[in-house]
């Protein structure tokens, strides 16, 4: 068990373990479908987070990585087709995860929330042209966004 989650129930912990999958699916389905590139990027980033995350979150991302692909497939299946109703239900599930994050102590909650937000943004940009990222690694208004 992750020490930071000791005051949460087993069900709440499971929701938090699925949180990166939930936000990945929401970010990747912005155009009502999920491309193979978006799926691959989400999976790759989940793996990378185990090495690059805030040290406080390493145990968390190690747990996330264990079943990420399995949960990703399950969540995509559950919310396909990505119409307004399905997307609203997915957002409700994310709201539940956010309320559980709110049960953590303030510093841990902020760290996890910011990590998930950064993760979401990265997945959202997965279909973005890699060539543009190579030429302009920093965001430039009017060029890269």
N, C-alpha and C. Protein backbone atom coordinates (compact mmCIF):
# COMPACT_ATOMS: atom_id res chain seq x y z
N UNK A 1 0.84 -1.19 0.00
CA UNK A 1 0.00 0.00 0.00
C UNK A 1 0.88 1.25 0.00
N UNK A 2 0.39 2.27 -0.64
CA UNK A 2 1.09 3.54 -0.70
C UNK A 2 0.84 4.27 0.63
N UNK A 3 1.92 4.63 1.32
CA UNK A 3 1.80 5.24 2.66
C UNK A 3 0.88 6.45 2.67
N UNK A 4 0.98 7.27 1.66
CA UNK A 4 0.17 8.50 1.60
C UNK A 4 -1.32 8.22 1.54
N UNK A 5 -1.70 7.00 1.15
CA UNK A 5 -3.10 6.65 0.97
C UNK A 5 -3.66 5.85 2.14
N UNK A 6 -2.95 5.76 3.24
CA UNK A 6 -3.35 4.86 4.33
C UNK A 6 -4.72 5.19 4.93
N UNK A 7 -5.17 6.44 4.83
CA UNK A 7 -6.48 6.76 5.40
C UNK A 7 -7.63 6.60 4.39
N UNK A 8 -7.31 6.12 3.19
CA UNK A 8 -8.34 5.90 2.17
C UNK A 8 -8.81 4.44 2.19
N UNK A 9 -10.02 4.22 1.70
CA UNK A 9 -10.53 2.85 1.58
C UNK A 9 -9.89 2.19 0.36
N UNK A 10 -10.03 0.88 0.28
CA UNK A 10 -9.50 0.14 -0.87
C UNK A 10 -10.15 0.61 -2.17
N UNK A 11 -11.45 0.89 -2.14
CA UNK A 11 -12.15 1.38 -3.33
C UNK A 11 -11.62 2.76 -3.75
N UNK A 12 -11.36 3.62 -2.78
CA UNK A 12 -10.84 4.96 -3.09
C UNK A 12 -9.44 4.86 -3.69
N UNK A 13 -8.64 3.96 -3.16
CA UNK A 13 -7.29 3.77 -3.70
C UNK A 13 -7.37 3.29 -5.14
N UNK A 14 -8.27 2.36 -5.41
CA UNK A 14 -8.42 1.86 -6.78
C UNK A 14 -8.81 2.99 -7.74
N UNK A 15 -9.69 3.87 -7.31
CA UNK A 15 -10.08 5.01 -8.15
C UNK A 15 -8.86 5.88 -8.43
N UNK A 16 -8.04 6.13 -7.42
CA UNK A 16 -6.84 6.96 -7.63
C UNK A 16 -5.84 6.26 -8.54
N UNK A 17 -5.73 4.95 -8.45
CA UNK A 17 -4.83 4.22 -9.33
C UNK A 17 -5.31 4.33 -10.78
N UNK A 18 -6.62 4.40 -10.97
CA UNK A 18 -7.18 4.53 -12.32
C UNK A 18 -7.21 5.98 -12.81
N UNK A 19 -6.96 6.94 -11.95
CA UNK A 19 -7.08 8.35 -12.33
C UNK A 19 -6.26 8.72 -13.57
N UNK A 20 -4.99 8.31 -13.67
CA UNK A 20 -4.25 8.64 -14.90
C UNK A 20 -4.89 8.04 -16.16
N UNK A 21 -5.50 6.87 -16.02
CA UNK A 21 -6.19 6.25 -17.16
C UNK A 21 -7.41 7.09 -17.52
N UNK A 22 -8.18 7.48 -16.52
CA UNK A 22 -9.38 8.28 -16.77
C UNK A 22 -9.05 9.58 -17.48
N UNK A 23 -8.05 10.30 -16.98
CA UNK A 23 -7.70 11.57 -17.62
C UNK A 23 -7.06 11.34 -18.98
N UNK A 24 -6.36 10.23 -19.15
CA UNK A 24 -5.78 9.90 -20.46
C UNK A 24 -6.88 9.69 -21.49
N UNK A 25 -7.87 8.91 -21.12
CA UNK A 25 -8.97 8.63 -22.04
C UNK A 25 -9.73 9.91 -22.37
N UNK A 26 -9.99 10.73 -21.37
CA UNK A 26 -10.69 11.99 -21.64
C UNK A 26 -9.87 12.89 -22.57
N UNK A 27 -8.59 13.05 -22.28
CA UNK A 27 -7.74 13.91 -23.10
C UNK A 27 -7.60 13.35 -24.52
N UNK A 28 -7.42 12.04 -24.62
CA UNK A 28 -7.21 11.43 -25.93
C UNK A 28 -8.47 11.39 -26.77
N UNK A 29 -9.64 11.44 -26.14
CA UNK A 29 -10.90 11.33 -26.88
C UNK A 29 -11.48 12.69 -27.26
N UNK A 30 -10.68 13.72 -27.17
CA UNK A 30 -11.18 15.07 -27.45
C UNK A 30 -11.81 15.20 -28.83
N UNK A 31 -11.36 14.38 -29.79
CA UNK A 31 -11.93 14.42 -31.13
C UNK A 31 -12.88 13.24 -31.37
N UNK A 32 -13.43 12.71 -30.28
CA UNK A 32 -14.45 11.65 -30.29
C UNK A 32 -13.91 10.27 -30.68
N UNK A 33 -12.59 10.15 -30.73
CA UNK A 33 -11.97 8.86 -31.00
C UNK A 33 -10.60 8.86 -30.34
N UNK A 34 -10.01 7.68 -30.22
CA UNK A 34 -8.68 7.57 -29.65
C UNK A 34 -7.78 6.91 -30.69
N UNK A 35 -6.75 7.63 -31.10
CA UNK A 35 -5.83 7.08 -32.09
C UNK A 35 -4.84 6.15 -31.41
N UNK A 36 -4.20 5.34 -32.21
CA UNK A 36 -3.15 4.45 -31.68
C UNK A 36 -2.00 5.27 -31.12
N UNK A 37 -1.70 6.42 -31.73
CA UNK A 37 -0.64 7.30 -31.22
C UNK A 37 -0.97 7.79 -29.81
N UNK A 38 -2.22 8.18 -29.61
CA UNK A 38 -2.63 8.68 -28.29
C UNK A 38 -2.57 7.56 -27.25
N UNK A 39 -3.01 6.38 -27.63
CA UNK A 39 -2.95 5.24 -26.70
C UNK A 39 -1.50 4.92 -26.37
N UNK A 40 -0.66 4.87 -27.38
CA UNK A 40 0.76 4.56 -27.16
C UNK A 40 1.43 5.63 -26.30
N UNK A 41 1.10 6.89 -26.55
CA UNK A 41 1.71 7.98 -25.78
C UNK A 41 1.27 7.93 -24.33
N UNK A 42 0.01 7.64 -24.08
CA UNK A 42 -0.48 7.54 -22.70
C UNK A 42 0.22 6.40 -21.97
N UNK A 43 0.35 5.27 -22.63
CA UNK A 43 1.01 4.11 -22.02
C UNK A 43 2.48 4.40 -21.77
N UNK A 44 3.14 5.01 -22.75
CA UNK A 44 4.56 5.34 -22.60
C UNK A 44 4.76 6.33 -21.45
N UNK A 45 3.91 7.33 -21.38
CA UNK A 45 4.05 8.33 -20.33
C UNK A 45 3.80 7.73 -18.95
N UNK A 46 2.86 6.81 -18.86
CA UNK A 46 2.62 6.14 -17.57
C UNK A 46 3.88 5.42 -17.12
N UNK A 47 4.58 4.81 -18.06
CA UNK A 47 5.84 4.13 -17.73
C UNK A 47 6.91 5.14 -17.34
N UNK A 48 7.02 6.21 -18.11
CA UNK A 48 8.04 7.23 -17.82
C UNK A 48 7.82 7.90 -16.48
N UNK A 49 6.56 8.07 -16.10
CA UNK A 49 6.27 8.73 -14.82
C UNK A 49 6.90 7.98 -13.66
N UNK A 50 7.10 6.66 -13.82
CA UNK A 50 7.72 5.91 -12.73
C UNK A 50 9.17 6.32 -12.53
N UNK A 51 9.75 6.99 -13.51
CA UNK A 51 11.13 7.45 -13.41
C UNK A 51 11.25 8.96 -13.23
N UNK A 52 10.26 9.70 -13.71
CA UNK A 52 10.38 11.15 -13.76
C UNK A 52 9.47 11.91 -12.81
N UNK A 53 8.58 11.22 -12.15
CA UNK A 53 7.61 11.90 -11.28
C UNK A 53 8.30 12.46 -10.04
N UNK A 54 7.60 13.37 -9.40
CA UNK A 54 8.04 13.87 -8.10
C UNK A 54 8.33 12.64 -7.23
N UNK A 55 9.46 12.62 -6.53
CA UNK A 55 9.81 11.45 -5.71
C UNK A 55 8.69 11.02 -4.75
N UNK A 56 7.87 11.96 -4.32
CA UNK A 56 6.76 11.60 -3.44
C UNK A 56 5.71 10.73 -4.15
N UNK A 57 5.69 10.81 -5.48
CA UNK A 57 4.68 10.08 -6.24
C UNK A 57 5.20 8.79 -6.87
N UNK A 58 6.47 8.48 -6.70
CA UNK A 58 7.01 7.27 -7.33
C UNK A 58 6.27 6.00 -6.93
N UNK A 59 5.97 5.78 -5.64
CA UNK A 59 5.20 4.57 -5.29
C UNK A 59 3.83 4.55 -5.99
N UNK A 60 3.22 5.71 -6.09
CA UNK A 60 1.91 5.81 -6.75
C UNK A 60 2.03 5.42 -8.22
N UNK A 61 2.96 6.01 -8.95
CA UNK A 61 3.08 5.71 -10.38
C UNK A 61 3.57 4.29 -10.62
N UNK A 62 4.31 3.71 -9.70
CA UNK A 62 4.67 2.29 -9.83
C UNK A 62 3.41 1.43 -9.79
N UNK A 63 2.46 1.77 -8.93
CA UNK A 63 1.19 1.04 -8.87
C UNK A 63 0.35 1.30 -10.12
N UNK A 64 0.32 2.53 -10.58
CA UNK A 64 -0.45 2.89 -11.78
C UNK A 64 0.04 2.07 -12.97
N UNK A 65 1.35 1.97 -13.11
CA UNK A 65 1.93 1.30 -14.28
C UNK A 65 1.55 -0.18 -14.36
N UNK A 66 1.37 -0.83 -13.23
CA UNK A 66 1.12 -2.27 -13.21
C UNK A 66 -0.07 -2.70 -14.06
N UNK A 67 -1.14 -1.93 -14.06
CA UNK A 67 -2.35 -2.31 -14.80
C UNK A 67 -2.83 -1.23 -15.76
N UNK A 68 -1.95 -0.31 -16.11
CA UNK A 68 -2.36 0.83 -16.92
C UNK A 68 -3.02 0.39 -18.23
N UNK A 69 -2.35 -0.46 -18.98
CA UNK A 69 -2.88 -0.86 -20.29
C UNK A 69 -4.21 -1.58 -20.15
N UNK A 70 -4.32 -2.46 -19.18
CA UNK A 70 -5.57 -3.18 -18.93
C UNK A 70 -6.70 -2.20 -18.61
N UNK A 71 -6.44 -1.26 -17.70
CA UNK A 71 -7.46 -0.29 -17.34
C UNK A 71 -7.80 0.63 -18.51
N UNK A 72 -6.79 0.99 -19.30
CA UNK A 72 -7.02 1.86 -20.45
C UNK A 72 -8.02 1.20 -21.40
N UNK A 73 -7.80 -0.06 -21.73
CA UNK A 73 -8.70 -0.79 -22.62
C UNK A 73 -10.10 -0.86 -22.02
N UNK A 74 -10.19 -1.15 -20.72
CA UNK A 74 -11.50 -1.24 -20.05
C UNK A 74 -12.24 0.09 -20.09
N UNK A 75 -11.55 1.18 -19.79
CA UNK A 75 -12.19 2.50 -19.76
C UNK A 75 -12.61 2.93 -21.16
N UNK A 76 -11.78 2.68 -22.15
CA UNK A 76 -12.15 3.02 -23.53
C UNK A 76 -13.40 2.24 -23.93
N UNK A 77 -13.42 0.96 -23.62
CA UNK A 77 -14.59 0.13 -23.95
C UNK A 77 -15.83 0.65 -23.23
N UNK A 78 -15.68 1.02 -21.97
CA UNK A 78 -16.82 1.49 -21.17
C UNK A 78 -17.42 2.78 -21.71
N UNK A 79 -16.60 3.69 -22.22
CA UNK A 79 -17.09 5.01 -22.62
C UNK A 79 -17.19 5.22 -24.13
N UNK A 80 -16.94 4.20 -24.92
CA UNK A 80 -17.11 4.30 -26.36
C UNK A 80 -18.57 4.06 -26.69
N UNK A 81 -19.19 4.80 -27.57
CA UNK A 81 -18.64 5.90 -28.36
C UNK A 81 -18.50 7.16 -27.51
N UNK A 82 -17.59 7.99 -27.87
CA UNK A 82 -17.30 9.19 -27.08
C UNK A 82 -18.26 10.32 -27.46
N UNK A 83 -19.53 10.08 -27.18
CA UNK A 83 -20.54 11.11 -27.41
C UNK A 83 -20.65 11.97 -26.15
N UNK A 84 -21.51 12.95 -26.18
CA UNK A 84 -21.63 13.88 -25.06
C UNK A 84 -22.03 13.17 -23.76
N UNK A 85 -22.94 12.21 -23.86
CA UNK A 85 -23.40 11.50 -22.66
C UNK A 85 -22.27 10.68 -22.04
N UNK A 86 -21.54 9.94 -22.87
CA UNK A 86 -20.45 9.11 -22.37
C UNK A 86 -19.33 9.98 -21.80
N UNK A 87 -19.04 11.07 -22.46
CA UNK A 87 -18.00 11.98 -21.97
C UNK A 87 -18.39 12.59 -20.63
N UNK A 88 -19.67 12.92 -20.47
CA UNK A 88 -20.15 13.46 -19.19
C UNK A 88 -19.98 12.43 -18.07
N UNK A 89 -20.27 11.17 -18.38
CA UNK A 89 -20.09 10.11 -17.37
C UNK A 89 -18.62 9.93 -17.01
N UNK A 90 -17.76 10.00 -18.00
CA UNK A 90 -16.31 9.91 -17.74
C UNK A 90 -15.86 11.07 -16.86
N UNK A 91 -16.36 12.27 -17.15
CA UNK A 91 -16.00 13.43 -16.33
C UNK A 91 -16.50 13.27 -14.89
N UNK A 92 -17.66 12.64 -14.71
CA UNK A 92 -18.15 12.39 -13.36
C UNK A 92 -17.22 11.45 -12.61
N UNK A 93 -16.70 10.45 -13.31
CA UNK A 93 -15.77 9.53 -12.68
C UNK A 93 -14.47 10.26 -12.29
N UNK A 94 -14.05 11.19 -13.11
CA UNK A 94 -12.86 11.99 -12.80
C UNK A 94 -13.16 12.90 -11.60
N UNK A 95 -14.38 13.43 -11.54
CA UNK A 95 -14.76 14.24 -10.37
C UNK A 95 -14.68 13.44 -9.08
N UNK A 96 -15.06 12.18 -9.14
CA UNK A 96 -14.94 11.30 -7.96
C UNK A 96 -13.48 11.19 -7.56
N UNK A 97 -12.61 10.97 -8.55
CA UNK A 97 -11.17 10.89 -8.25
C UNK A 97 -10.67 12.19 -7.63
N UNK A 98 -11.12 13.32 -8.16
CA UNK A 98 -10.71 14.61 -7.60
C UNK A 98 -11.18 14.77 -6.15
N UNK A 99 -12.37 14.30 -5.85
CA UNK A 99 -12.85 14.41 -4.47
C UNK A 99 -12.03 13.52 -3.54
N UNK A 100 -11.58 12.39 -4.05
CA UNK A 100 -10.72 11.51 -3.24
C UNK A 100 -9.35 12.15 -3.05
N UNK A 101 -8.82 12.77 -4.09
CA UNK A 101 -7.54 13.49 -3.95
C UNK A 101 -7.68 14.54 -2.85
N UNK A 102 -8.83 15.15 -2.76
CA UNK A 102 -9.09 16.16 -1.73
C UNK A 102 -9.03 15.61 -0.31
N UNK A 103 -9.12 14.31 -0.14
CA UNK A 103 -9.02 13.69 1.18
C UNK A 103 -7.58 13.54 1.65
N UNK A 104 -6.63 13.67 0.73
CA UNK A 104 -5.23 13.57 1.09
C UNK A 104 -4.80 14.84 1.81
N UNK A 105 -3.65 14.79 2.49
CA UNK A 105 -3.20 16.04 3.10
C UNK A 105 -2.90 17.04 1.99
N UNK A 106 -2.93 18.30 2.33
CA UNK A 106 -2.90 19.38 1.35
C UNK A 106 -1.71 19.29 0.39
N UNK A 107 -0.52 19.05 0.92
CA UNK A 107 0.68 18.99 0.08
C UNK A 107 0.62 17.81 -0.89
N UNK A 108 0.21 16.64 -0.39
CA UNK A 108 0.12 15.46 -1.25
C UNK A 108 -0.95 15.65 -2.32
N UNK A 109 -2.07 16.23 -1.93
CA UNK A 109 -3.16 16.47 -2.88
C UNK A 109 -2.69 17.41 -3.99
N UNK A 110 -2.00 18.48 -3.65
CA UNK A 110 -1.52 19.44 -4.64
C UNK A 110 -0.50 18.79 -5.58
N UNK A 111 0.40 18.00 -5.02
CA UNK A 111 1.42 17.34 -5.83
C UNK A 111 0.78 16.38 -6.82
N UNK A 112 -0.16 15.57 -6.36
CA UNK A 112 -0.82 14.61 -7.23
C UNK A 112 -1.67 15.32 -8.27
N UNK A 113 -2.40 16.33 -7.87
CA UNK A 113 -3.24 17.06 -8.81
C UNK A 113 -2.40 17.69 -9.93
N UNK A 114 -1.31 18.34 -9.58
CA UNK A 114 -0.46 18.98 -10.59
C UNK A 114 0.20 17.96 -11.50
N UNK A 115 0.57 16.82 -10.95
CA UNK A 115 1.15 15.76 -11.76
C UNK A 115 0.14 15.24 -12.78
N UNK A 116 -1.08 15.00 -12.33
CA UNK A 116 -2.13 14.52 -13.24
C UNK A 116 -2.48 15.56 -14.29
N UNK A 117 -2.46 16.83 -13.92
CA UNK A 117 -2.74 17.89 -14.89
C UNK A 117 -1.67 17.93 -15.97
N UNK A 118 -0.41 17.82 -15.58
CA UNK A 118 0.69 17.80 -16.55
C UNK A 118 0.60 16.57 -17.44
N UNK A 119 0.27 15.46 -16.85
CA UNK A 119 0.11 14.21 -17.57
C UNK A 119 -1.00 14.35 -18.62
N UNK A 120 -2.12 14.91 -18.22
CA UNK A 120 -3.25 15.10 -19.12
C UNK A 120 -2.86 15.97 -20.31
N UNK A 121 -2.17 17.05 -20.04
CA UNK A 121 -1.75 17.96 -21.11
C UNK A 121 -0.84 17.24 -22.10
N UNK A 122 0.06 16.42 -21.61
CA UNK A 122 0.97 15.70 -22.48
C UNK A 122 0.19 14.73 -23.38
N UNK A 123 -0.76 14.00 -22.81
CA UNK A 123 -1.55 13.06 -23.61
C UNK A 123 -2.38 13.83 -24.64
N UNK A 124 -2.92 14.96 -24.24
CA UNK A 124 -3.75 15.78 -25.14
C UNK A 124 -2.96 16.19 -26.38
N UNK A 125 -1.67 16.39 -26.22
CA UNK A 125 -0.83 16.84 -27.33
C UNK A 125 -0.20 15.68 -28.10
N UNK A 126 -0.58 14.46 -27.83
CA UNK A 126 0.06 13.28 -28.43
C UNK A 126 0.00 13.30 -29.95
N UNK A 127 -1.08 13.79 -30.52
CA UNK A 127 -1.18 13.80 -31.98
C UNK A 127 -0.51 15.03 -32.58
N UNK A 128 -0.02 15.91 -31.73
CA UNK A 128 0.67 17.09 -32.20
C UNK A 128 1.88 16.68 -33.01
N UNK A 129 2.19 17.38 -34.03
CA UNK A 129 3.28 17.05 -34.93
C UNK A 129 4.63 17.00 -34.20
N UNK A 130 5.28 15.87 -34.25
CA UNK A 130 6.57 15.68 -33.60
C UNK A 130 7.62 16.62 -34.20
N UNK A 131 7.52 16.89 -35.49
CA UNK A 131 8.46 17.79 -36.14
C UNK A 131 8.39 19.19 -35.54
N UNK A 132 7.18 19.66 -35.27
CA UNK A 132 7.03 20.98 -34.65
C UNK A 132 7.68 20.98 -33.27
N UNK A 133 7.47 19.91 -32.49
CA UNK A 133 8.07 19.82 -31.17
C UNK A 133 9.59 19.83 -31.24
N UNK A 134 10.14 19.22 -32.28
CA UNK A 134 11.59 19.20 -32.44
C UNK A 134 12.11 20.60 -32.76
N UNK A 135 11.46 21.28 -33.67
CA UNK A 135 11.90 22.62 -34.07
C UNK A 135 11.65 23.66 -32.98
N UNK A 136 10.52 23.54 -32.30
CA UNK A 136 10.11 24.52 -31.30
C UNK A 136 9.81 23.81 -29.99
N UNK A 137 10.84 23.40 -29.24
CA UNK A 137 10.58 22.63 -28.01
C UNK A 137 9.86 23.43 -26.94
N UNK A 138 9.88 24.75 -27.02
CA UNK A 138 9.15 25.58 -26.07
C UNK A 138 7.93 26.14 -26.76
N UNK A 139 6.83 26.27 -26.05
CA UNK A 139 5.61 26.81 -26.68
C UNK A 139 5.81 28.25 -27.14
N UNK A 140 5.43 28.51 -28.38
CA UNK A 140 5.51 29.85 -28.94
C UNK A 140 4.13 30.19 -29.48
N UNK A 141 3.51 31.22 -28.89
CA UNK A 141 2.16 31.61 -29.27
C UNK A 141 2.11 31.91 -30.76
N UNK A 142 1.13 31.33 -31.42
CA UNK A 142 0.96 31.54 -32.85
C UNK A 142 1.73 30.55 -33.70
N UNK A 143 2.68 29.84 -33.10
CA UNK A 143 3.44 28.85 -33.86
C UNK A 143 3.10 27.44 -33.40
N UNK A 144 3.22 27.19 -32.10
CA UNK A 144 2.97 25.84 -31.59
C UNK A 144 1.63 25.72 -30.90
N UNK A 145 0.96 26.82 -30.64
CA UNK A 145 -0.39 26.77 -30.05
C UNK A 145 -1.16 27.98 -30.43
